[in-house]
Amino acid sequence: MVQQVSELLDGPVTADLHFDRIVDLTTEKGLRLAALGHLVWSCLNLSDADRLAPAAIERLFESTMIALLEVVPNSYMPRLERPVSPAVPRQVKRAIEYMHANLSQPLTVASIASETGTSVRALQVAFQRFKGTTPLGYLKTIRLEAARRALVDDTGSRSIADAARSAGFTHMGRFAAVYYQAFGETPSETIRTR
């Protein structure tokens, strides 16, 4: 579901997703959500011979998750309800691609701007307008996401320091502090929950 939030926001997700426990199914949106739930149940409650193709079931689940995000009050609802900004400029897209491709490298705003063929100031203004943050703020967020994925998905062969370094963090104390600020737990707590 975090992937759906990220796609809907067109940006990284760092905070946990929390839903309200009560859903009003008497509203128009609630009724549509209930109908979608019935459709999912009826599609899964078929014999193997009548069941939908796996790809169709996957799309149905994706649609259900998006509906849940849009209907059930949750921690990302204020951001999801914001008006959608116009198309992201090419320089911002290229900067984001460059950041992802070079996460472990020591990047600066100047090096990112140079790579995307724009000025530092123009890149900063574009990021603020279309992503609501600075280029380095965005970079820090995607680095934190990469480190968290490495800590959660890893089979235990990687240390916290290795996960941090592969995501571009060089100072372990600072990494632990920003990690805790972003996720509400220390990297070692994340490892213990895998």
N, C-alpha and C. Protein backbone atom coordinates (compact mmCIF):
# COMPACT_ATOMS: atom_id res chain seq x y z
N MET A 1 0.82 -1.19 0.00
CA MET A 1 0.00 0.00 0.00
C MET A 1 0.87 1.26 0.00
N VAL A 2 2.06 1.17 0.57
CA VAL A 2 2.98 2.31 0.56
C VAL A 2 3.33 2.68 -0.88
N GLN A 3 3.44 1.69 -1.74
CA GLN A 3 3.74 1.96 -3.15
C GLN A 3 2.62 2.78 -3.78
N GLN A 4 1.36 2.46 -3.46
CA GLN A 4 0.24 3.22 -4.00
C GLN A 4 0.27 4.66 -3.50
N VAL A 5 0.61 4.86 -2.21
CA VAL A 5 0.70 6.22 -1.68
C VAL A 5 1.79 6.98 -2.43
N SER A 6 2.93 6.34 -2.61
CA SER A 6 4.04 6.97 -3.31
C SER A 6 3.65 7.35 -4.74
N GLU A 7 2.94 6.46 -5.42
CA GLU A 7 2.51 6.75 -6.79
C GLU A 7 1.48 7.86 -6.83
N LEU A 8 0.54 7.86 -5.88
CA LEU A 8 -0.48 8.91 -5.85
C LEU A 8 0.13 10.27 -5.53
N LEU A 9 1.13 10.29 -4.67
CA LEU A 9 1.78 11.55 -4.30
C LEU A 9 2.87 11.94 -5.28
N ASP A 10 3.27 11.02 -6.13
CA ASP A 10 4.38 11.22 -7.05
C ASP A 10 5.62 11.66 -6.27
N GLY A 11 5.87 10.93 -5.17
CA GLY A 11 7.03 11.24 -4.35
C GLY A 11 7.25 10.16 -3.32
N PRO A 12 8.35 10.25 -2.61
CA PRO A 12 8.67 9.22 -1.62
C PRO A 12 7.77 9.30 -0.38
N VAL A 13 7.61 8.17 0.28
CA VAL A 13 6.83 8.06 1.51
C VAL A 13 7.79 7.68 2.63
N THR A 14 7.83 8.48 3.69
CA THR A 14 8.74 8.16 4.78
C THR A 14 8.02 7.83 6.07
N ALA A 15 6.89 8.45 6.31
CA ALA A 15 6.16 8.20 7.57
C ALA A 15 5.26 6.98 7.42
N ASP A 16 4.94 6.36 8.55
CA ASP A 16 4.04 5.20 8.53
C ASP A 16 2.64 5.62 8.11
N LEU A 17 1.93 4.69 7.53
CA LEU A 17 0.55 4.91 7.10
C LEU A 17 -0.38 4.37 8.18
N HIS A 18 -1.26 5.23 8.68
CA HIS A 18 -2.22 4.83 9.72
C HIS A 18 -3.63 5.16 9.25
N PHE A 19 -4.56 4.21 9.44
CA PHE A 19 -5.96 4.41 9.09
C PHE A 19 -6.80 4.57 10.35
N ASP A 20 -7.89 5.35 10.23
CA ASP A 20 -8.88 5.38 11.30
C ASP A 20 -9.54 4.02 11.37
N ARG A 21 -9.99 3.65 12.54
CA ARG A 21 -10.60 2.33 12.71
C ARG A 21 -12.05 2.29 12.27
N ILE A 22 -12.70 3.43 12.16
CA ILE A 22 -14.12 3.47 11.82
C ILE A 22 -14.28 4.03 10.41
N VAL A 23 -15.06 3.33 9.59
CA VAL A 23 -15.34 3.74 8.22
C VAL A 23 -16.84 3.92 8.08
N ASP A 24 -17.26 5.08 7.60
CA ASP A 24 -18.68 5.34 7.40
C ASP A 24 -19.08 4.82 6.02
N LEU A 25 -19.74 3.68 6.00
CA LEU A 25 -20.15 3.07 4.72
C LEU A 25 -21.50 3.58 4.25
N THR A 26 -22.07 4.59 4.93
CA THR A 26 -23.36 5.14 4.50
C THR A 26 -23.19 6.33 3.57
N THR A 27 -21.98 6.86 3.47
CA THR A 27 -21.73 7.97 2.56
C THR A 27 -21.62 7.43 1.13
N GLU A 28 -21.65 8.34 0.17
CA GLU A 28 -21.53 7.91 -1.23
C GLU A 28 -20.20 7.18 -1.48
N LYS A 29 -19.11 7.75 -0.98
CA LYS A 29 -17.81 7.10 -1.13
C LYS A 29 -17.77 5.77 -0.37
N GLY A 30 -18.35 5.76 0.81
CA GLY A 30 -18.38 4.53 1.61
C GLY A 30 -19.15 3.42 0.92
N LEU A 31 -20.26 3.79 0.28
CA LEU A 31 -21.06 2.79 -0.45
C LEU A 31 -20.26 2.22 -1.62
N ARG A 32 -19.51 3.10 -2.31
CA ARG A 32 -18.69 2.60 -3.43
C ARG A 32 -17.58 1.68 -2.93
N LEU A 33 -17.01 2.02 -1.78
CA LEU A 33 -15.97 1.17 -1.20
C LEU A 33 -16.55 -0.19 -0.82
N ALA A 34 -17.74 -0.19 -0.24
CA ALA A 34 -18.40 -1.45 0.13
C ALA A 34 -18.68 -2.29 -1.11
N ALA A 35 -19.14 -1.64 -2.18
CA ALA A 35 -19.42 -2.36 -3.43
C ALA A 35 -18.13 -2.96 -3.99
N LEU A 36 -17.04 -2.21 -3.91
CA LEU A 36 -15.76 -2.72 -4.38
C LEU A 36 -15.32 -3.91 -3.53
N GLY A 37 -15.55 -3.83 -2.24
CA GLY A 37 -15.23 -4.95 -1.35
C GLY A 37 -16.01 -6.20 -1.71
N HIS A 38 -17.30 -6.02 -2.03
CA HIS A 38 -18.12 -7.16 -2.45
C HIS A 38 -17.62 -7.75 -3.76
N LEU A 39 -17.20 -6.88 -4.68
CA LEU A 39 -16.67 -7.36 -5.96
C LEU A 39 -15.40 -8.18 -5.74
N VAL A 40 -14.51 -7.67 -4.90
CA VAL A 40 -13.27 -8.41 -4.61
C VAL A 40 -13.61 -9.76 -4.01
N TRP A 41 -14.52 -9.78 -3.04
CA TRP A 41 -14.89 -11.04 -2.38
C TRP A 41 -15.49 -12.01 -3.39
N SER A 42 -16.37 -11.52 -4.26
CA SER A 42 -17.00 -12.44 -5.22
C SER A 42 -15.98 -12.98 -6.22
N CYS A 43 -14.98 -12.17 -6.57
CA CYS A 43 -13.94 -12.64 -7.50
C CYS A 43 -13.02 -13.68 -6.85
N LEU A 44 -12.80 -13.55 -5.56
CA LEU A 44 -11.93 -14.49 -4.87
C LEU A 44 -12.67 -15.74 -4.41
N ASN A 45 -13.97 -15.65 -4.35
CA ASN A 45 -14.79 -16.75 -3.84
C ASN A 45 -15.26 -17.67 -4.97
N LEU A 46 -14.54 -17.70 -6.06
CA LEU A 46 -14.88 -18.55 -7.20
C LEU A 46 -14.03 -19.82 -7.17
N SER A 47 -14.50 -20.81 -7.87
CA SER A 47 -13.69 -22.02 -8.00
C SER A 47 -12.46 -21.69 -8.86
N ASP A 48 -11.46 -22.53 -8.79
CA ASP A 48 -10.23 -22.29 -9.55
C ASP A 48 -10.50 -22.15 -11.04
N ALA A 49 -11.45 -22.91 -11.56
CA ALA A 49 -11.75 -22.87 -12.99
C ALA A 49 -12.37 -21.53 -13.40
N ASP A 50 -13.11 -20.90 -12.49
CA ASP A 50 -13.80 -19.64 -12.81
C ASP A 50 -13.04 -18.40 -12.36
N ARG A 51 -11.96 -18.58 -11.62
CA ARG A 51 -11.24 -17.45 -11.04
C ARG A 51 -10.60 -16.59 -12.13
N LEU A 52 -10.51 -15.30 -11.86
CA LEU A 52 -9.88 -14.36 -12.79
C LEU A 52 -8.39 -14.65 -12.91
N ALA A 53 -7.81 -14.15 -13.97
CA ALA A 53 -6.36 -14.28 -14.17
C ALA A 53 -5.63 -13.53 -13.06
N PRO A 54 -4.46 -14.01 -12.66
CA PRO A 54 -3.71 -13.34 -11.58
C PRO A 54 -3.48 -11.85 -11.84
N ALA A 55 -3.22 -11.47 -13.09
CA ALA A 55 -2.99 -10.05 -13.39
C ALA A 55 -4.25 -9.23 -13.12
N ALA A 56 -5.41 -9.78 -13.43
CA ALA A 56 -6.67 -9.07 -13.18
C ALA A 56 -6.92 -8.93 -11.68
N ILE A 57 -6.62 -9.97 -10.93
CA ILE A 57 -6.79 -9.91 -9.47
C ILE A 57 -5.83 -8.87 -8.88
N GLU A 58 -4.61 -8.83 -9.40
CA GLU A 58 -3.64 -7.84 -8.91
C GLU A 58 -4.14 -6.42 -9.14
N ARG A 59 -4.70 -6.16 -10.34
CA ARG A 59 -5.24 -4.82 -10.64
C ARG A 59 -6.43 -4.50 -9.74
N LEU A 60 -7.23 -5.49 -9.45
CA LEU A 60 -8.38 -5.30 -8.58
C LEU A 60 -7.92 -4.93 -7.17
N PHE A 61 -6.89 -5.60 -6.68
CA PHE A 61 -6.33 -5.27 -5.36
C PHE A 61 -5.74 -3.86 -5.36
N GLU A 62 -5.04 -3.49 -6.43
CA GLU A 62 -4.48 -2.13 -6.52
C GLU A 62 -5.59 -1.09 -6.47
N SER A 63 -6.67 -1.34 -7.20
CA SER A 63 -7.81 -0.42 -7.20
C SER A 63 -8.43 -0.32 -5.82
N THR A 64 -8.52 -1.45 -5.14
CA THR A 64 -9.08 -1.46 -3.79
C THR A 64 -8.21 -0.67 -2.83
N MET A 65 -6.90 -0.83 -2.94
CA MET A 65 -5.99 -0.08 -2.06
C MET A 65 -6.10 1.42 -2.30
N ILE A 66 -6.19 1.81 -3.56
CA ILE A 66 -6.33 3.24 -3.87
C ILE A 66 -7.66 3.76 -3.33
N ALA A 67 -8.72 2.98 -3.48
CA ALA A 67 -10.02 3.38 -2.93
C ALA A 67 -9.95 3.53 -1.41
N LEU A 68 -9.28 2.61 -0.74
CA LEU A 68 -9.12 2.71 0.72
C LEU A 68 -8.39 4.00 1.09
N LEU A 69 -7.35 4.32 0.35
CA LEU A 69 -6.58 5.53 0.63
C LEU A 69 -7.41 6.79 0.42
N GLU A 70 -8.32 6.76 -0.55
CA GLU A 70 -9.12 7.93 -0.86
C GLU A 70 -10.36 8.06 0.02
N VAL A 71 -10.85 6.95 0.59
CA VAL A 71 -12.11 6.97 1.33
C VAL A 71 -11.90 6.90 2.84
N VAL A 72 -11.06 6.01 3.30
CA VAL A 72 -10.88 5.80 4.73
C VAL A 72 -9.91 6.85 5.28
N PRO A 73 -10.33 7.63 6.28
CA PRO A 73 -9.42 8.63 6.85
C PRO A 73 -8.09 7.99 7.27
N ASN A 74 -6.99 8.62 6.82
CA ASN A 74 -5.66 8.07 7.11
C ASN A 74 -4.65 9.19 7.25
N SER A 75 -3.46 8.83 7.66
CA SER A 75 -2.42 9.81 7.94
C SER A 75 -1.92 10.55 6.69
N TYR A 76 -2.19 10.03 5.51
CA TYR A 76 -1.76 10.69 4.28
C TYR A 76 -2.90 11.42 3.57
N MET A 77 -4.11 11.35 4.11
CA MET A 77 -5.25 11.95 3.44
C MET A 77 -5.08 13.45 3.18
N PRO A 78 -4.55 14.24 4.13
CA PRO A 78 -4.38 15.67 3.82
C PRO A 78 -3.50 15.90 2.59
N ARG A 79 -2.44 15.12 2.44
CA ARG A 79 -1.57 15.27 1.26
C ARG A 79 -2.24 14.75 0.01
N LEU A 80 -3.03 13.67 0.13
CA LEU A 80 -3.70 13.10 -1.04
C LEU A 80 -4.82 14.00 -1.54
N GLU A 81 -5.39 14.82 -0.66
CA GLU A 81 -6.50 15.68 -1.04
C GLU A 81 -6.04 17.01 -1.62
N ARG A 82 -4.76 17.31 -1.54
CA ARG A 82 -4.25 18.56 -2.12
C ARG A 82 -4.46 18.54 -3.63
N PRO A 83 -4.66 19.73 -4.21
CA PRO A 83 -4.78 19.77 -5.67
C PRO A 83 -3.51 19.24 -6.33
N VAL A 84 -3.68 18.57 -7.43
CA VAL A 84 -2.54 18.01 -8.16
C VAL A 84 -1.83 19.13 -8.90
N SER A 85 -0.52 19.17 -8.74
CA SER A 85 0.25 20.21 -9.43
C SER A 85 0.37 19.86 -10.90
N PRO A 86 0.66 20.86 -11.71
CA PRO A 86 0.84 20.57 -13.14
C PRO A 86 2.01 19.61 -13.35
N ALA A 87 2.21 19.23 -14.56
CA ALA A 87 3.26 18.26 -14.90
C ALA A 87 4.62 18.73 -14.36
N VAL A 88 5.36 17.78 -13.84
CA VAL A 88 6.68 18.07 -13.28
C VAL A 88 7.64 18.37 -14.43
N PRO A 89 8.41 19.45 -14.32
CA PRO A 89 9.34 19.80 -15.39
C PRO A 89 10.39 18.71 -15.64
N ARG A 90 10.86 18.69 -16.85
CA ARG A 90 11.85 17.71 -17.28
C ARG A 90 13.09 17.74 -16.40
N GLN A 91 13.54 18.94 -16.00
CA GLN A 91 14.75 19.04 -15.17
C GLN A 91 14.56 18.37 -13.82
N VAL A 92 13.37 18.50 -13.24
CA VAL A 92 13.11 17.87 -11.95
C VAL A 92 13.10 16.35 -12.11
N LYS A 93 12.46 15.87 -13.17
CA LYS A 93 12.44 14.42 -13.41
C LYS A 93 13.86 13.89 -13.61
N ARG A 94 14.65 14.62 -14.40
CA ARG A 94 16.03 14.16 -14.63
C ARG A 94 16.85 14.21 -13.35
N ALA A 95 16.62 15.23 -12.54
CA ALA A 95 17.34 15.34 -11.27
C ALA A 95 17.00 14.16 -10.36
N ILE A 96 15.73 13.79 -10.31
CA ILE A 96 15.30 12.67 -9.48
C ILE A 96 15.91 11.37 -9.99
N GLU A 97 15.90 11.17 -11.30
CA GLU A 97 16.52 9.96 -11.87
C GLU A 97 18.01 9.92 -11.54
N TYR A 98 18.67 11.06 -11.65
CA TYR A 98 20.10 11.14 -11.34
C TYR A 98 20.36 10.82 -9.87
N MET A 99 19.52 11.34 -8.99
CA MET A 99 19.66 11.06 -7.56
C MET A 99 19.52 9.57 -7.28
N HIS A 100 18.50 8.96 -7.86
CA HIS A 100 18.28 7.52 -7.64
C HIS A 100 19.46 6.70 -8.17
N ALA A 101 20.01 7.10 -9.30
CA ALA A 101 21.11 6.34 -9.91
C ALA A 101 22.42 6.54 -9.16
N ASN A 102 22.51 7.58 -8.35
CA ASN A 102 23.78 7.90 -7.67
C ASN A 102 23.61 8.09 -6.17
N LEU A 103 22.72 7.31 -5.57
CA LEU A 103 22.41 7.47 -4.14
C LEU A 103 23.64 7.42 -3.25
N SER A 104 24.56 6.53 -3.54
CA SER A 104 25.71 6.36 -2.65
C SER A 104 26.81 7.39 -2.89
N GLN A 105 26.65 8.22 -3.91
CA GLN A 105 27.67 9.21 -4.25
C GLN A 105 27.46 10.50 -3.45
N PRO A 106 28.54 11.26 -3.20
CA PRO A 106 28.40 12.55 -2.50
C PRO A 106 27.86 13.62 -3.46
N LEU A 107 26.55 13.79 -3.48
CA LEU A 107 25.91 14.73 -4.40
C LEU A 107 25.73 16.10 -3.76
N THR A 108 25.85 17.13 -4.59
CA THR A 108 25.56 18.50 -4.16
C THR A 108 24.48 19.05 -5.09
N VAL A 109 23.86 20.14 -4.67
CA VAL A 109 22.85 20.77 -5.54
C VAL A 109 23.52 21.20 -6.84
N ALA A 110 24.73 21.69 -6.76
CA ALA A 110 25.44 22.13 -7.96
C ALA A 110 25.69 20.97 -8.91
N SER A 111 26.10 19.82 -8.39
CA SER A 111 26.36 18.67 -9.28
C SER A 111 25.06 18.15 -9.89
N ILE A 112 23.98 18.17 -9.13
CA ILE A 112 22.69 17.73 -9.66
C ILE A 112 22.21 18.70 -10.73
N ALA A 113 22.33 20.00 -10.46
CA ALA A 113 21.91 21.01 -11.43
C ALA A 113 22.73 20.90 -12.71
N SER A 114 24.02 20.71 -12.56
CA SER A 114 24.89 20.56 -13.73
C SER A 114 24.48 19.36 -14.57
N GLU A 115 24.19 18.26 -13.91
CA GLU A 115 23.79 17.03 -14.62
C GLU A 115 22.47 17.21 -15.37
N THR A 116 21.60 18.05 -14.83
CA THR A 116 20.28 18.24 -15.46
C THR A 116 20.24 19.42 -16.42
N GLY A 117 21.36 20.14 -16.53
CA GLY A 117 21.43 21.24 -17.48
C GLY A 117 20.66 22.48 -17.05
N THR A 118 20.62 22.75 -15.77
CA THR A 118 19.91 23.93 -15.27
C THR A 118 20.74 24.60 -14.19
N SER A 119 20.34 25.78 -13.79
CA SER A 119 21.06 26.47 -12.72
C SER A 119 20.63 25.95 -11.36
N VAL A 120 21.46 26.18 -10.36
CA VAL A 120 21.15 25.76 -9.00
C VAL A 120 19.85 26.42 -8.55
N ARG A 121 19.73 27.71 -8.77
CA ARG A 121 18.53 28.44 -8.32
C ARG A 121 17.28 27.93 -9.03
N ALA A 122 17.35 27.71 -10.33
CA ALA A 122 16.18 27.21 -11.07
C ALA A 122 15.76 25.84 -10.56
N LEU A 123 16.75 25.00 -10.26
CA LEU A 123 16.44 23.66 -9.75
C LEU A 123 15.79 23.75 -8.37
N GLN A 124 16.32 24.64 -7.51
CA GLN A 124 15.73 24.80 -6.18
C GLN A 124 14.29 25.30 -6.26
N VAL A 125 14.04 26.26 -7.11
CA VAL A 125 12.69 26.80 -7.27
C VAL A 125 11.75 25.73 -7.81
N ALA A 126 12.20 24.97 -8.80
CA ALA A 126 11.35 23.92 -9.39
C ALA A 126 11.02 22.84 -8.36
N PHE A 127 12.00 22.42 -7.57
CA PHE A 127 11.74 21.40 -6.55
C PHE A 127 10.76 21.93 -5.51
N GLN A 128 10.95 23.18 -5.09
CA GLN A 128 10.05 23.75 -4.09
C GLN A 128 8.63 23.81 -4.64
N ARG A 129 8.50 24.19 -5.88
CA ARG A 129 7.17 24.34 -6.48
C ARG A 129 6.49 22.99 -6.74
N PHE A 130 7.22 22.04 -7.28
CA PHE A 130 6.60 20.79 -7.72
C PHE A 130 6.74 19.63 -6.73
N LYS A 131 7.68 19.71 -5.81
CA LYS A 131 7.86 18.63 -4.83
C LYS A 131 7.70 19.10 -3.40
N GLY A 132 7.61 20.42 -3.20
CA GLY A 132 7.40 20.95 -1.86
C GLY A 132 8.60 20.82 -0.94
N THR A 133 9.78 20.69 -1.52
CA THR A 133 11.00 20.55 -0.73
C THR A 133 12.18 21.01 -1.58
N THR A 134 13.35 21.00 -1.00
CA THR A 134 14.57 21.35 -1.73
C THR A 134 15.13 20.10 -2.41
N PRO A 135 16.03 20.28 -3.37
CA PRO A 135 16.65 19.09 -3.97
C PRO A 135 17.36 18.21 -2.94
N LEU A 136 18.09 18.82 -2.01
CA LEU A 136 18.79 18.01 -1.00
C LEU A 136 17.82 17.40 0.00
N GLY A 137 16.72 18.07 0.28
CA GLY A 137 15.69 17.48 1.14
C GLY A 137 15.08 16.26 0.49
N TYR A 138 14.83 16.35 -0.81
CA TYR A 138 14.29 15.21 -1.56
C TYR A 138 15.31 14.08 -1.58
N LEU A 139 16.57 14.42 -1.80
CA LEU A 139 17.64 13.41 -1.82
C LEU A 139 17.73 12.69 -0.48
N LYS A 140 17.66 13.45 0.61
CA LYS A 140 17.72 12.84 1.94
C LYS A 140 16.56 11.86 2.13
N THR A 141 15.38 12.24 1.66
CA THR A 141 14.21 11.38 1.81
C THR A 141 14.37 10.07 1.04
N ILE A 142 14.83 10.15 -0.21
CA ILE A 142 14.98 8.90 -0.98
C ILE A 142 16.14 8.07 -0.45
N ARG A 143 17.15 8.71 0.11
CA ARG A 143 18.23 7.95 0.74
C ARG A 143 17.72 7.22 1.98
N LEU A 144 16.91 7.89 2.77
CA LEU A 144 16.33 7.24 3.95
C LEU A 144 15.46 6.06 3.55
N GLU A 145 14.65 6.24 2.51
CA GLU A 145 13.81 5.13 2.02
C GLU A 145 14.66 3.95 1.59
N ALA A 146 15.75 4.23 0.87
CA ALA A 146 16.63 3.16 0.39
C ALA A 146 17.28 2.43 1.57
N ALA A 147 17.72 3.18 2.56
CA ALA A 147 18.33 2.55 3.74
C ALA A 147 17.30 1.70 4.47
N ARG A 148 16.09 2.21 4.61
CA ARG A 148 15.04 1.45 5.31
C ARG A 148 14.72 0.16 4.55
N ARG A 149 14.60 0.26 3.22
CA ARG A 149 14.34 -0.95 2.42
C ARG A 149 15.45 -1.96 2.62
N ALA A 150 16.69 -1.49 2.65
CA ALA A 150 17.83 -2.41 2.84
C ALA A 150 17.76 -3.07 4.21
N LEU A 151 17.36 -2.32 5.22
CA LEU A 151 17.28 -2.88 6.57
C LEU A 151 16.10 -3.83 6.73
N VAL A 152 14.98 -3.51 6.09
CA VAL A 152 13.77 -4.35 6.21
C VAL A 152 13.87 -5.59 5.34
N ASP A 153 14.34 -5.41 4.11
CA ASP A 153 14.34 -6.51 3.14
C ASP A 153 15.56 -7.41 3.25
N ASP A 154 16.59 -6.95 3.89
CA ASP A 154 17.83 -7.71 3.93
C ASP A 154 17.66 -9.00 4.73
N THR A 155 18.43 -9.98 4.37
CA THR A 155 18.36 -11.28 5.05
C THR A 155 19.22 -11.32 6.30
N GLY A 156 19.78 -10.19 6.67
CA GLY A 156 20.58 -10.15 7.88
C GLY A 156 22.07 -10.14 7.63
N SER A 157 22.48 -10.21 6.37
CA SER A 157 23.90 -10.24 6.06
C SER A 157 24.51 -8.85 6.03
N ARG A 158 23.69 -7.82 6.00
CA ARG A 158 24.17 -6.45 5.92
C ARG A 158 24.09 -5.76 7.27
N SER A 159 25.10 -4.98 7.58
CA SER A 159 25.08 -4.21 8.83
C SER A 159 24.34 -2.90 8.60
N ILE A 160 24.01 -2.23 9.68
CA ILE A 160 23.36 -0.92 9.58
C ILE A 160 24.28 0.04 8.85
N ALA A 161 25.56 -0.01 9.16
CA ALA A 161 26.53 0.88 8.51
C ALA A 161 26.58 0.64 7.01
N ASP A 162 26.54 -0.62 6.59
CA ASP A 162 26.55 -0.94 5.15
C ASP A 162 25.30 -0.39 4.47
N ALA A 163 24.14 -0.58 5.11
CA ALA A 163 22.89 -0.08 4.54
C ALA A 163 22.92 1.44 4.43
N ALA A 164 23.45 2.09 5.46
CA ALA A 164 23.54 3.55 5.45
C ALA A 164 24.49 4.04 4.37
N ARG A 165 25.67 3.43 4.29
CA ARG A 165 26.65 3.83 3.27
C ARG A 165 26.13 3.61 1.86
N SER A 166 25.45 2.49 1.62
CA SER A 166 24.94 2.22 0.27
C SER A 166 23.87 3.22 -0.13
N ALA A 167 23.25 3.88 0.86
CA ALA A 167 22.25 4.90 0.57
C ALA A 167 22.83 6.31 0.60
N GLY A 168 24.15 6.41 0.79
CA GLY A 168 24.80 7.71 0.71
C GLY A 168 25.05 8.42 2.02
N PHE A 169 24.82 7.76 3.14
CA PHE A 169 25.08 8.36 4.44
C PHE A 169 26.49 7.98 4.89
N THR A 170 27.27 8.97 5.31
CA THR A 170 28.65 8.69 5.72
C THR A 170 28.85 8.86 7.22
N HIS A 171 28.00 9.61 7.88
CA HIS A 171 28.11 9.84 9.32
C HIS A 171 27.03 9.03 10.02
N MET A 172 27.43 7.98 10.73
CA MET A 172 26.46 7.03 11.30
C MET A 172 25.58 7.67 12.38
N GLY A 173 26.15 8.55 13.19
CA GLY A 173 25.36 9.21 14.23
C GLY A 173 24.28 10.09 13.63
N ARG A 174 24.64 10.84 12.60
CA ARG A 174 23.67 11.70 11.92
C ARG A 174 22.62 10.84 11.20
N PHE A 175 23.07 9.75 10.60
CA PHE A 175 22.13 8.84 9.94
C PHE A 175 21.10 8.32 10.93
N ALA A 176 21.56 7.86 12.09
CA ALA A 176 20.64 7.32 13.09
C ALA A 176 19.63 8.37 13.54
N ALA A 177 20.09 9.62 13.68
CA ALA A 177 19.20 10.70 14.13
C ALA A 177 18.13 11.02 13.09
N VAL A 178 18.53 11.17 11.82
CA VAL A 178 17.53 11.51 10.80
C VAL A 178 16.63 10.31 10.51
N TYR A 179 17.15 9.11 10.66
CA TYR A 179 16.35 7.90 10.48
C TYR A 179 15.26 7.85 11.54
N TYR A 180 15.64 8.12 12.78
CA TYR A 180 14.67 8.11 13.88
C TYR A 180 13.61 9.20 13.66
N GLN A 181 14.06 10.36 13.23
CA GLN A 181 13.13 11.47 12.98
C GLN A 181 12.14 11.12 11.87
N ALA A 182 12.59 10.42 10.85
CA ALA A 182 11.72 10.07 9.72
C ALA A 182 10.78 8.91 10.02
N PHE A 183 11.27 7.89 10.73
CA PHE A 183 10.49 6.66 10.89
C PHE A 183 10.02 6.37 12.31
N GLY A 184 10.47 7.17 13.28
CA GLY A 184 10.02 6.97 14.65
C GLY A 184 10.63 5.76 15.33
N GLU A 185 11.68 5.24 14.76
CA GLU A 185 12.41 4.12 15.36
C GLU A 185 13.85 4.18 14.90
N THR A 186 14.73 3.56 15.67
CA THR A 186 16.14 3.55 15.30
C THR A 186 16.38 2.46 14.25
N PRO A 187 17.48 2.55 13.50
CA PRO A 187 17.78 1.49 12.54
C PRO A 187 17.86 0.11 13.18
N SER A 188 18.40 0.03 14.39
CA SER A 188 18.50 -1.28 15.05
C SER A 188 17.12 -1.81 15.43
N GLU A 189 16.17 -0.92 15.74
CA GLU A 189 14.80 -1.37 16.01
C GLU A 189 14.15 -1.90 14.74
N THR A 190 14.45 -1.27 13.61
CA THR A 190 13.93 -1.75 12.33
C THR A 190 14.43 -3.16 12.05
N ILE A 191 15.71 -3.39 12.29
CA ILE A 191 16.29 -4.72 12.05
C ILE A 191 15.62 -5.76 12.94
N ARG A 192 15.34 -5.41 14.18
CA ARG A 192 14.72 -6.37 15.09
C ARG A 192 13.31 -6.75 14.67
N THR A 193 12.63 -5.91 13.90
CA THR A 193 11.24 -6.21 13.50
C THR A 193 11.14 -6.97 12.19
N ARG A 194 12.26 -7.28 11.53
CA ARG A 194 12.16 -8.00 10.26
C ARG A 194 11.85 -9.45 10.46
